[in-house]
PDB file of N, CA and C in Angstrom:
ATOM      1  N   MET A   1     -90.831  16.112 -42.304  1.00  0.00           N
ATOM      2  CA  MET A   1     -91.330  15.754 -41.009  1.00  0.00           C
ATOM      3  C   MET A   1     -92.736  15.182 -41.178  1.00  0.00           C
ATOM      4  N   TYR A   2     -92.983  14.040 -40.593  1.00  0.00           N
ATOM      5  CA  TYR A   2     -94.296  13.407 -40.660  1.00  0.00           C
ATOM      6  C   TYR A   2     -94.881  13.405 -39.259  1.00  0.00           C
ATOM      7  N   TYR A   3     -96.091  13.898 -39.113  1.00  0.00           N
ATOM      8  CA  TYR A   3     -96.753  13.951 -37.815  1.00  0.00           C
ATOM      9  C   TYR A   3     -97.405  12.614 -37.517  1.00  0.00           C
ATOM     10  N   ASN A   4     -97.132  12.086 -36.319  1.00  0.00           N
ATOM     11  CA  ASN A   4     -97.863  10.877 -35.945  1.00  0.00           C
ATOM     12  C   ASN A   4     -99.175  11.282 -35.287  1.00  0.00           C
ATOM     13  N   ASN A   5    -100.101  10.386 -35.266  1.00  0.00           N
ATOM     14  CA  ASN A   5    -101.448  10.693 -34.813  1.00  0.00           C
ATOM     15  C   ASN A   5    -101.568  10.881 -33.307  1.00  0.00           C
ATOM     16  N   PHE A   6    -100.577  10.504 -32.539  1.00  0.00           N
ATOM     17  CA  PHE A   6    -100.696  10.563 -31.098  1.00  0.00           C
ATOM     18  C   PHE A   6    -100.391  11.954 -30.552  1.00  0.00           C
ATOM     19  N   ASN A   7     -99.653  12.782 -31.285  1.00  0.00           N
ATOM     20  CA  ASN A   7     -99.318  14.117 -30.808  1.00  0.00           C
ATOM     21  C   ASN A   7    -100.450  15.106 -30.999  1.00  0.00           C
ATOM     22  N   TYR A   8    -101.389  14.811 -31.845  1.00  0.00           N
ATOM     23  CA  TYR A   8    -102.470  15.728 -32.148  1.00  0.00           C
ATOM     24  C   TYR A   8    -103.810  15.034 -31.901  1.00  0.00           C
ATOM     25  N   PRO A   9    -104.499  15.401 -30.825  1.00  0.00           N
ATOM     26  CA  PRO A   9    -105.745  14.699 -30.473  1.00  0.00           C
ATOM     27  C   PRO A   9    -106.833  14.846 -31.516  1.00  0.00           C
ATOM     28  N   GLU A  10    -106.769  15.876 -32.378  1.00  0.00           N
ATOM     29  CA  GLU A  10    -107.827  16.055 -33.369  1.00  0.00           C
ATOM     30  C   GLU A  10    -107.825  14.960 -34.430  1.00  0.00           C
ATOM     31  N   TYR A  11    -106.762  14.139 -34.504  1.00  0.00           N
ATOM     32  CA  TYR A  11    -106.747  13.065 -35.485  1.00  0.00           C
ATOM     33  C   TYR A  11    -107.688  11.932 -35.112  1.00  0.00           C
ATOM     34  N   ARG A  12    -108.069  11.875 -33.860  1.00  0.00           N
ATOM     35  CA  ARG A  12    -109.017  10.836 -33.458  1.00  0.00           C
ATOM     36  C   ARG A  12    -110.361  11.174 -34.072  1.00  0.00           C
ATOM     37  N   ALA A  13    -110.893  10.264 -34.851  1.00  0.00           N
ATOM     38  CA  ALA A  13    -112.144  10.522 -35.576  1.00  0.00           C
ATOM     39  C   ALA A  13    -113.260  10.864 -34.601  1.00  0.00           C
ATOM     40  N   MET A  14    -113.999  11.898 -34.948  1.00  0.00           N
ATOM     41  CA  MET A  14    -115.152  12.275 -34.144  1.00  0.00           C
ATOM     42  C   MET A  14    -116.188  11.163 -34.256  1.00  0.00           C
ATOM     43  N   GLU A  15    -116.806  10.854 -33.145  1.00  0.00           N
ATOM     44  CA  GLU A  15    -117.832   9.826 -33.133  1.00  0.00           C
ATOM     45  C   GLU A  15    -119.085  10.341 -33.834  1.00  0.00           C
ATOM     46  N   LEU A  16    -119.664   9.521 -34.674  1.00  0.00           N
ATOM     47  CA  LEU A  16    -120.896   9.871 -35.362  1.00  0.00           C
ATOM     48  C   LEU A  16    -122.035   9.078 -34.743  1.00  0.00           C
ATOM     49  N   ASP A  17    -123.146   9.744 -34.474  1.00  0.00           N
ATOM     50  CA  ASP A  17    -124.299   9.045 -33.909  1.00  0.00           C
ATOM     51  C   ASP A  17    -125.339   8.796 -35.002  1.00  0.00           C
ATOM     52  N   ASP A  18    -126.492   8.309 -34.603  1.00  0.00           N
ATOM     53  CA  ASP A  18    -127.545   7.957 -35.564  1.00  0.00           C
ATOM     54  C   ASP A  18    -128.138   9.172 -36.275  1.00  0.00           C
ATOM     55  N   THR A  19    -127.911  10.360 -35.737  1.00  0.00           N
ATOM     56  CA  THR A  19    -128.466  11.559 -36.358  1.00  0.00           C
ATOM     57  C   THR A  19    -127.533  12.186 -37.392  1.00  0.00           C
ATOM     58  N   ALA A  20    -126.341  11.618 -37.584  1.00  0.00           N
ATOM     59  CA  ALA A  20    -125.382  12.155 -38.555  1.00  0.00           C
ATOM     60  C   ALA A  20    -125.940  11.997 -39.968  1.00  0.00           C
ATOM     61  N   PRO A  21    -125.740  13.002 -40.820  1.00  0.00           N
ATOM     62  CA  PRO A  21    -126.247  12.890 -42.194  1.00  0.00           C
ATOM     63  C   PRO A  21    -125.541  11.780 -42.967  1.00  0.00           C
ATOM     64  N   GLU A  22    -126.252  11.215 -43.922  1.00  0.00           N
ATOM     65  CA  GLU A  22    -125.706  10.105 -44.712  1.00  0.00           C
ATOM     66  C   GLU A  22    -124.435  10.504 -45.458  1.00  0.00           C
ATOM     67  N   THR A  23    -124.294  11.766 -45.788  1.00  0.00           N
ATOM     68  CA  THR A  23    -123.110  12.209 -46.536  1.00  0.00           C
ATOM     69  C   THR A  23    -121.813  12.034 -45.751  1.00  0.00           C
ATOM     70  N   VAL A  24    -121.889  11.950 -44.424  1.00  0.00           N
ATOM     71  CA  VAL A  24    -120.679  11.729 -43.633  1.00  0.00           C
ATOM     72  C   VAL A  24    -120.572  10.304 -43.099  1.00  0.00           C
ATOM     73  N   THR A  25    -121.547   9.455 -43.416  1.00  0.00           N
ATOM     74  CA  THR A  25    -121.494   8.061 -42.966  1.00  0.00           C
ATOM     75  C   THR A  25    -121.419   7.064 -44.107  1.00  0.00           C
ATOM     76  N   ASN A  26    -121.885   7.422 -45.288  1.00  0.00           N
ATOM     77  CA  ASN A  26    -121.912   6.520 -46.440  1.00  0.00           C
ATOM     78  C   ASN A  26    -120.740   6.860 -47.362  1.00  0.00           C
ATOM     79  N   ALA A  27    -119.817   5.915 -47.544  1.00  0.00           N
ATOM     80  CA  ALA A  27    -118.594   6.148 -48.312  1.00  0.00           C
ATOM     81  C   ALA A  27    -118.839   6.417 -49.798  1.00  0.00           C
ATOM     82  N   LEU A  28    -120.086   6.363 -50.255  1.00  0.00           N
ATOM     83  CA  LEU A  28    -120.385   6.760 -51.631  1.00  0.00           C
ATOM     84  C   LEU A  28    -120.314   8.278 -51.785  1.00  0.00           C
ATOM     85  N   TYR A  29    -120.330   8.997 -50.675  1.00  0.00           N
ATOM     86  CA  TYR A  29    -120.238  10.452 -50.683  1.00  0.00           C
ATOM     87  C   TYR A  29    -118.821  10.880 -50.319  1.00  0.00           C
ATOM     88  N   THR A  30    -118.381  11.991 -50.881  1.00  0.00           N
ATOM     89  CA  THR A  30    -117.016  12.473 -50.673  1.00  0.00           C
ATOM     90  C   THR A  30    -116.648  12.648 -49.198  1.00  0.00           C
ATOM     91  N   PRO A  31    -117.446  13.317 -48.370  1.00  0.00           N
ATOM     92  CA  PRO A  31    -117.032  13.481 -46.965  1.00  0.00           C
ATOM     93  C   PRO A  31    -116.812  12.154 -46.241  1.00  0.00           C
ATOM     94  N   ALA A  32    -117.698  11.202 -46.432  1.00  0.00           N
ATOM     95  CA  ALA A  32    -117.547   9.913 -45.752  1.00  0.00           C
ATOM     96  C   ALA A  32    -116.327   9.163 -46.271  1.00  0.00           C
ATOM     97  N   PHE A  33    -116.067   9.246 -47.570  1.00  0.00           N
ATOM     98  CA  PHE A  33    -114.872   8.610 -48.126  1.00  0.00           C
ATOM     99  C   PHE A  33    -113.614   9.228 -47.523  1.00  0.00           C
ATOM    100  N   LEU A  34    -113.562  10.558 -47.465  1.00  0.00           N
ATOM    101  CA  LEU A  34    -112.380  11.230 -46.925  1.00  0.00           C
ATOM    102  C   LEU A  34    -112.197  10.951 -45.443  1.00  0.00           C
ATOM    103  N   ARG A  35    -113.289  10.764 -44.692  1.00  0.00           N
ATOM    104  CA  ARG A  35    -113.176  10.458 -43.260  1.00  0.00           C
ATOM    105  C   ARG A  35    -112.415   9.162 -43.014  1.00  0.00           C
ATOM    106  N   GLN A  36    -112.419   8.260 -43.989  1.00  0.00           N
ATOM    107  CA  GLN A  36    -111.683   6.996 -43.857  1.00  0.00           C
ATOM    108  C   GLN A  36    -110.174   7.207 -43.903  1.00  0.00           C
ATOM    109  N   HIS A  37    -109.734   8.410 -44.268  1.00  0.00           N
ATOM    110  CA  HIS A  37    -108.316   8.689 -44.447  1.00  0.00           C
ATOM    111  C   HIS A  37    -107.797   9.772 -43.500  1.00  0.00           C
ATOM    112  N   LEU A  38    -108.473   9.975 -42.383  1.00  0.00           N
ATOM    113  CA  LEU A  38    -108.011  10.944 -41.392  1.00  0.00           C
ATOM    114  C   LEU A  38    -106.606  10.589 -40.919  1.00  0.00           C
ATOM    115  N   GLY A  39    -105.766  11.608 -40.764  1.00  0.00           N
ATOM    116  CA  GLY A  39    -104.401  11.394 -40.297  1.00  0.00           C
ATOM    117  C   GLY A  39    -103.402  11.143 -41.399  1.00  0.00           C
ATOM    118  N   LYS A  40    -103.865  11.034 -42.639  1.00  0.00           N
ATOM    119  CA  LYS A  40    -102.949  10.771 -43.757  1.00  0.00           C
ATOM    120  C   LYS A  40    -102.530  12.067 -44.441  1.00  0.00           C
ATOM    121  N   LEU A  41    -101.386  12.009 -45.085  1.00  0.00           N
ATOM    122  CA  LEU A  41    -100.892  13.123 -45.880  1.00  0.00           C
ATOM    123  C   LEU A  41    -101.686  13.177 -47.183  1.00  0.00           C
ATOM    124  N   VAL A  42    -102.238  14.344 -47.502  1.00  0.00           N
ATOM    125  CA  VAL A  42    -103.043  14.494 -48.715  1.00  0.00           C
ATOM    126  C   VAL A  42    -102.615  15.742 -49.485  1.00  0.00           C
ATOM    127  N   ARG A  43    -102.841  15.695 -50.779  1.00  0.00           N
ATOM    128  CA  ARG A  43    -102.702  16.875 -51.641  1.00  0.00           C
ATOM    129  C   ARG A  43    -104.076  17.107 -52.236  1.00  0.00           C
ATOM    130  N   VAL A  44    -104.638  18.282 -51.964  1.00  0.00           N
ATOM    131  CA  VAL A  44    -105.995  18.601 -52.397  1.00  0.00           C
ATOM    132  C   VAL A  44    -105.921  19.716 -53.429  1.00  0.00           C
ATOM    133  N   GLU A  45    -106.594  19.512 -54.570  1.00  0.00           N
ATOM    134  CA  GLU A  45    -106.637  20.522 -55.616  1.00  0.00           C
ATOM    135  C   GLU A  45    -108.046  21.118 -55.655  1.00  0.00           C
ATOM    136  N   PHE A  46    -108.101  22.451 -55.643  1.00  0.00           N
ATOM    137  CA  PHE A  46    -109.351  23.190 -55.614  1.00  0.00           C
ATOM    138  C   PHE A  46    -109.528  23.942 -56.921  1.00  0.00           C
ATOM    139  N   LEU A  47    -110.743  23.972 -57.439  1.00  0.00           N
ATOM    140  CA  LEU A  47    -111.061  24.772 -58.615  1.00  0.00           C
ATOM    141  C   LEU A  47    -111.532  26.135 -58.135  1.00  0.00           C
ATOM    142  N   ILE A  48    -110.773  27.167 -58.520  1.00  0.00           N
ATOM    143  CA  ILE A  48    -111.109  28.541 -58.164  1.00  0.00           C
ATOM    144  C   ILE A  48    -111.655  29.202 -59.424  1.00  0.00           C
ATOM    145  N   GLY A  49    -112.886  29.661 -59.376  1.00  0.00           N
ATOM    146  CA  GLY A  49    -113.517  30.212 -60.574  1.00  0.00           C
ATOM    147  C   GLY A  49    -113.833  29.090 -61.546  1.00  0.00           C
ATOM    148  N   THR A  50    -113.540  29.315 -62.822  1.00  0.00           N
ATOM    149  CA  THR A  50    -113.840  28.290 -63.828  1.00  0.00           C
ATOM    150  C   THR A  50    -112.599  27.643 -64.427  1.00  0.00           C
ATOM    151  N   THR A  51    -111.409  28.212 -64.186  1.00  0.00           N
ATOM    152  CA  THR A  51    -110.226  27.664 -64.853  1.00  0.00           C
ATOM    153  C   THR A  51    -108.998  27.511 -63.968  1.00  0.00           C
ATOM    154  N   TYR A  52    -108.972  28.105 -62.791  1.00  0.00           N
ATOM    155  CA  TYR A  52    -107.749  28.142 -61.990  1.00  0.00           C
ATOM    156  C   TYR A  52    -107.754  27.040 -60.937  1.00  0.00           C
ATOM    157  N   LEU A  53    -106.720  26.175 -60.949  1.00  0.00           N
ATOM    158  CA  LEU A  53    -106.554  25.135 -59.933  1.00  0.00           C
ATOM    159  C   LEU A  53    -105.508  25.578 -58.918  1.00  0.00           C
ATOM    160  N   GLU A  54    -105.838  25.434 -57.656  1.00  0.00           N
ATOM    161  CA  GLU A  54    -104.934  25.763 -56.550  1.00  0.00           C
ATOM    162  C   GLU A  54    -104.813  24.507 -55.701  1.00  0.00           C
ATOM    163  N   ASP A  55    -103.599  24.158 -55.251  1.00  0.00           N
ATOM    164  CA  ASP A  55    -103.456  22.947 -54.444  1.00  0.00           C
ATOM    165  C   ASP A  55    -102.900  23.272 -53.069  1.00  0.00           C
ATOM    166  N   ARG A  56    -103.236  22.404 -52.110  1.00  0.00           N
ATOM    167  CA  ARG A  56    -102.746  22.491 -50.740  1.00  0.00           C
ATOM    168  C   ARG A  56    -102.370  21.084 -50.302  1.00  0.00           C
ATOM    169  N   THR A  57    -101.300  21.000 -49.514  1.00  0.00           N
ATOM    170  CA  THR A  57    -100.833  19.715 -49.000  1.00  0.00           C
ATOM    171  C   THR A  57    -100.812  19.784 -47.483  1.00  0.00           C
ATOM    172  N   GLY A  58    -101.264  18.714 -46.845  1.00  0.00           N
ATOM    173  CA  GLY A  58    -101.243  18.671 -45.389  1.00  0.00           C
ATOM    174  C   GLY A  58    -101.805  17.353 -44.874  1.00  0.00           C
ATOM    175  N   ILE A  59    -101.871  17.261 -43.572  1.00  0.00           N
ATOM    176  CA  ILE A  59    -102.434  16.082 -42.918  1.00  0.00           C
ATOM    177  C   ILE A  59    -103.939  16.317 -42.772  1.00  0.00           C
ATOM    178  N   LEU A  60    -104.726  15.348 -43.225  1.00  0.00           N
ATOM    179  CA  LEU A  60    -106.184  15.460 -43.130  1.00  0.00           C
ATOM    180  C   LEU A  60    -106.591  15.278 -41.673  1.00  0.00           C
ATOM    181  N   VAL A  61    -107.115  16.350 -41.074  1.00  0.00           N
ATOM    182  CA  VAL A  61    -107.414  16.364 -39.648  1.00  0.00           C
ATOM    183  C   VAL A  61    -108.882  16.116 -39.367  1.00  0.00           C
ATOM    184  N   GLU A  62    -109.752  16.733 -40.159  1.00  0.00           N
ATOM    185  CA  GLU A  62    -111.187  16.648 -39.890  1.00  0.00           C
ATOM    186  C   GLU A  62    -111.956  16.760 -41.198  1.00  0.00           C
ATOM    187  N   VAL A  63    -113.102  16.088 -41.251  1.00  0.00           N
ATOM    188  CA  VAL A  63    -113.982  16.169 -42.416  1.00  0.00           C
ATOM    189  C   VAL A  63    -115.403  16.362 -41.911  1.00  0.00           C
ATOM    190  N   GLY A  64    -116.055  17.404 -42.410  1.00  0.00           N
ATOM    191  CA  GLY A  64    -117.458  17.653 -42.101  1.00  0.00           C
ATOM    192  C   GLY A  64    -118.292  17.478 -43.352  1.00  0.00           C
ATOM    193  N   ALA A  65    -119.550  17.806 -43.273  1.00  0.00           N
ATOM    194  CA  ALA A  65    -120.443  17.659 -44.422  1.00  0.00           C
ATOM    195  C   ALA A  65    -120.063  18.596 -45.554  1.00  0.00           C
ATOM    196  N   SER A  66    -119.483  19.767 -45.250  1.00  0.00           N
ATOM    197  CA  SER A  66    -119.179  20.743 -46.298  1.00  0.00           C
ATOM    198  C   SER A  66    -117.767  21.305 -46.213  1.00  0.00           C
ATOM    199  N   TYR A  67    -116.907  20.705 -45.417  1.00  0.00           N
ATOM    200  CA  TYR A  67    -115.548  21.228 -45.265  1.00  0.00           C
ATOM    201  C   TYR A  67    -114.570  20.119 -44.916  1.00  0.00           C
ATOM    202  N   ILE A  68    -113.276  20.424 -45.091  1.00  0.00           N
ATOM    203  CA  ILE A  68    -112.211  19.584 -44.563  1.00  0.00           C
ATOM    204  C   ILE A  68    -111.228  20.516 -43.852  1.00  0.00           C
ATOM    205  N   VAL A  69    -110.436  19.954 -42.954  1.00  0.00           N
ATOM    206  CA  VAL A  69    -109.396  20.707 -42.269  1.00  0.00           C
ATOM    207  C   VAL A  69    -108.080  19.981 -42.492  1.00  0.00           C
ATOM    208  N   LEU A  70    -107.068  20.727 -42.953  1.00  0.00           N
ATOM    209  CA  LEU A  70    -105.729  20.195 -43.158  1.00  0.00           C
ATOM    210  C   LEU A  70    -104.773  20.832 -42.160  1.00  0.00           C
ATOM    211  N   ARG A  71    -103.818  20.054 -41.654  1.00  0.00           N
ATOM    212  CA  ARG A  71    -102.733  20.606 -40.842  1.00  0.00           C
ATOM    213  C   ARG A  71    -101.532  20.752 -41.757  1.00  0.00           C
ATOM    214  N   SER A  72    -101.054  21.968 -41.907  1.00  0.00           N
ATOM    215  CA  SER A  72     -99.937  22.266 -42.792  1.00  0.00           C
ATOM    216  C   SER A  72     -98.691  21.503 -42.361  1.00  0.00           C
ATOM    217  N   ILE A  73     -97.981  20.927 -43.326  1.00  0.00           N
ATOM    218  CA  ILE A  73     -96.742  20.219 -42.999  1.00  0.00           C
ATOM    219  C   ILE A  73     -95.571  21.192 -42.865  1.00  0.00           C
ATOM    220  N   GLN A  74     -95.739  22.423 -43.344  1.00  0.00           N
ATOM    221  CA  GLN A  74     -94.673  23.408 -43.231  1.00  0.00           C
ATOM    222  C   GLN A  74     -94.617  24.026 -41.830  1.00  0.00           C
ATOM    223  N   ASP A  75     -95.770  24.457 -41.312  1.00  0.00           N
ATOM    224  CA  ASP A  75     -95.749  25.190 -40.052  1.00  0.00           C
ATOM    225  C   ASP A  75     -96.746  24.679 -39.009  1.00  0.00           C
ATOM    226  N   GLY A  76     -97.514  23.655 -39.321  1.00  0.00           N
ATOM    227  CA  GLY A  76     -98.445  23.078 -38.351  1.00  0.00           C
ATOM    228  C   GLY A  76     -99.753  23.822 -38.193  1.00  0.00           C
ATOM    229  N   ASN A  77     -99.969  24.890 -38.966  1.00  0.00           N
ATOM    230  CA  ASN A  77    -101.222  25.640 -38.893  1.00  0.00           C
ATOM    231  C   ASN A  77    -102.374  24.837 -39.479  1.00  0.00           C
ATOM    232  N   LEU A  78    -103.586  25.153 -39.033  1.00  0.00           N
ATOM    233  CA  LEU A  78    -104.774  24.498 -39.568  1.00  0.00           C
ATOM    234  C   LEU A  78    -105.328  25.306 -40.737  1.00  0.00           C
ATOM    235  N   LEU A  79    -105.792  24.607 -41.770  1.00  0.00           N
ATOM    236  CA  LEU A  79    -106.378  25.241 -42.944  1.00  0.00           C
ATOM    237  C   LEU A  79    -107.767  24.657 -43.157  1.00  0.00           C
ATOM    238  N   TYR A  80    -108.785  25.508 -43.069  1.00  0.00           N
ATOM    239  CA  TYR A  80    -110.181  25.114 -43.271  1.00  0.00           C
ATOM    240  C   TYR A  80    -110.488  25.258 -44.756  1.00  0.00           C
ATOM    241  N   CYS A  81    -111.047  24.219 -45.386  1.00  0.00           N
ATOM    242  CA  CYS A  81    -111.248  24.210 -46.836  1.00  0.00           C
ATOM    243  C   CYS A  81    -112.691  23.859 -47.185  1.00  0.00           C
ATOM    244  N   ASP A  82    -113.216  24.538 -48.189  1.00  0.00           N
ATOM    245  CA  ASP A  82    -114.557  24.278 -48.699  1.00  0.00           C
ATOM    246  C   ASP A  82    -114.547  22.982 -49.508  1.00  0.00           C
ATOM    247  N   ILE A  83    -115.378  22.045 -49.151  1.00  0.00           N
ATOM    248  CA  ILE A  83    -115.371  20.748 -49.821  1.00  0.00           C
ATOM    249  C   ILE A  83    -115.940  20.823 -51.242  1.00  0.00           C
ATOM    250  N   TYR A  84    -116.781  21.828 -51.511  1.00  0.00           N
ATOM    251  CA  TYR A  84    -117.450  21.897 -52.809  1.00  0.00           C
ATOM    252  C   TYR A  84    -116.537  22.367 -53.932  1.00  0.00           C
ATOM    253  N   SER A  85    -115.395  22.957 -53.611  1.00  0.00           N
ATOM    254  CA  SER A  85    -114.466  23.380 -54.659  1.00  0.00           C
ATOM    255  C   SER A  85    -113.362  22.357 -54.892  1.00  0.00           C
ATOM    256  N   ILE A  86    -113.374  21.243 -54.156  1.00  0.00           N
ATOM    257  CA  ILE A  86    -112.363  20.193 -54.348  1.00  0.00           C
ATOM    258  C   ILE A  86    -112.621  19.465 -55.654  1.00  0.00           C
ATOM    259  N   LYS A  87    -111.569  19.302 -56.453  1.00  0.00           N
ATOM    260  CA  LYS A  87    -111.668  18.546 -57.699  1.00  0.00           C
ATOM    261  C   LYS A  87    -110.875  17.251 -57.634  1.00  0.00           C
ATOM    262  N   PHE A  88    -109.694  17.273 -57.005  1.00  0.00           N
ATOM    263  CA  PHE A  88    -108.847  16.090 -56.925  1.00  0.00           C
ATOM    264  C   PHE A  88    -108.231  16.000 -55.539  1.00  0.00           C
ATOM    265  N   VAL A  89    -108.109  14.758 -55.029  1.00  0.00           N
ATOM    266  CA  VAL A  89    -107.432  14.519 -53.760  1.00  0.00           C
ATOM    267  C   VAL A  89    -106.458  13.367 -53.974  1.00  0.00           C
ATOM    268  N   THR A  90    -105.195  13.621 -53.676  1.00  0.00           N
ATOM    269  CA  THR A  90    -104.177  12.570 -53.713  1.00  0.00           C
ATOM    270  C   THR A  90    -103.905  12.179 -52.270  1.00  0.00           C
ATOM    271  N   ILE A  91    -104.087  10.891 -51.967  1.00  0.00           N
ATOM    272  CA  ILE A  91    -103.925  10.382 -50.608  1.00  0.00           C
ATOM    273  C   ILE A  91    -102.659   9.553 -50.564  1.00  0.00           C
ATOM    274  N   SER A  92    -101.731   9.955 -49.715  1.00  0.00           N
ATOM    275  CA  SER A  92    -100.455   9.255 -49.617  1.00  0.00           C
ATOM    276  C   SER A  92    -100.588   8.085 -48.645  1.00  0.00           C
ATOM    277  N   GLU A  93    -100.394   6.895 -49.152  1.00  0.00           N
ATOM    278  CA  GLU A  93    -100.435   5.707 -48.297  1.00  0.00           C
ATOM    279  C   GLU A  93     -99.110   5.527 -47.556  1.00  0.00           C
ATOM    280  N   ASN A  94     -98.013   5.953 -48.166  1.00  0.00           N
ATOM    281  CA  ASN A  94     -96.681   5.853 -47.576  1.00  0.00           C
ATOM    282  C   ASN A  94     -95.989   7.202 -47.715  1.00  0.00           C
ATOM    283  N   PRO A  95     -96.226   8.121 -46.776  1.00  0.00           N
ATOM    284  CA  PRO A  95     -95.697   9.472 -46.930  1.00  0.00           C
ATOM    285  C   PRO A  95     -94.203   9.565 -46.608  1.00  0.00           C
ATOM    286  N   PHE A  96     -93.369   9.302 -47.585  1.00  0.00           N
ATOM    287  CA  PHE A  96     -91.935   9.409 -47.423  1.00  0.00           C
ATOM    288  C   PHE A  96     -91.493  10.813 -47.794  1.00  0.00           C
ATOM    289  N   ILE A  97     -90.905  11.521 -46.862  1.00  0.00           N
ATOM    290  CA  ILE A  97     -90.420  12.866 -47.125  1.00  0.00           C
ATOM    291  C   ILE A  97     -89.033  12.806 -47.746  1.00  0.00           C
ATOM    292  N   ASN A  98     -88.180  11.954 -47.226  1.00  0.00           N
ATOM    293  CA  ASN A  98     -86.827  11.825 -47.747  1.00  0.00           C
ATOM    294  C   ASN A  98     -86.467  10.358 -47.802  1.00  0.00           C
ATOM    295  N   ASN A  99     -86.218   9.843 -48.982  1.00  0.00           N
ATOM    296  CA  ASN A  99     -85.850   8.450 -49.145  1.00  0.00           C
ATOM    297  C   ASN A  99     -84.580   8.388 -49.976  1.00  0.00           C
ATOM    298  N   PRO A 100     -83.410   8.252 -49.332  1.00  0.00           N
ATOM    299  CA  PRO A 100     -82.158   8.250 -50.079  1.00  0.00           C
ATOM    300  C   PRO A 100     -81.987   7.048 -51.000  1.00  0.00           C
ATOM    301  N   ASP A 101     -82.782   5.986 -50.790  1.00  0.00           N
ATOM    302  CA  ASP A 101     -82.679   4.793 -51.622  1.00  0.00           C
ATOM    303  C   ASP A 101     -83.544   4.861 -52.875  1.00  0.00           C
ATOM    304  N   PHE A 102     -84.350   5.928 -53.020  1.00  0.00           N
ATOM    305  CA  PHE A 102     -85.238   6.036 -54.165  1.00  0.00           C
ATOM    306  C   PHE A 102     -84.454   6.254 -55.441  1.00  0.00           C
ATOM    307  N   GLN A 103     -84.793   5.464 -56.482  1.00  0.00           N
ATOM    308  CA  GLN A 103     -84.140   5.596 -57.768  1.00  0.00           C
ATOM    309  C   GLN A 103     -85.182   5.707 -58.860  1.00  0.00           C
ATOM    310  N   VAL A 104     -84.897   6.540 -59.833  1.00  0.00           N
ATOM    311  CA  VAL A 104     -85.835   6.726 -60.946  1.00  0.00           C
ATOM    312  C   VAL A 104     -85.512   5.749 -62.034  1.00  0.00           C
TER     313      VAL A 104
END
């Protein structure tokens, strides 16, 4: 199931004014880069401790200076995530859940 952006008002990007920090307006910084992909399906990998990677998949709903929010594709719950533990983000440009024509 893929959520379209019209059913969830939080997908509409929050307006940023002149007082917003550069980290959320300049795409050279992670938060501003991720804000360009609101509403897309993402897989985020977090470094827990020094060696353990944990991943979460969901729709990118919100990005702040130090956090992101994902909407779970399994149950629709919101997941608040610390941006500083993110190591990798996979952004799906074409989120196909089931494609019977796909061949390896």
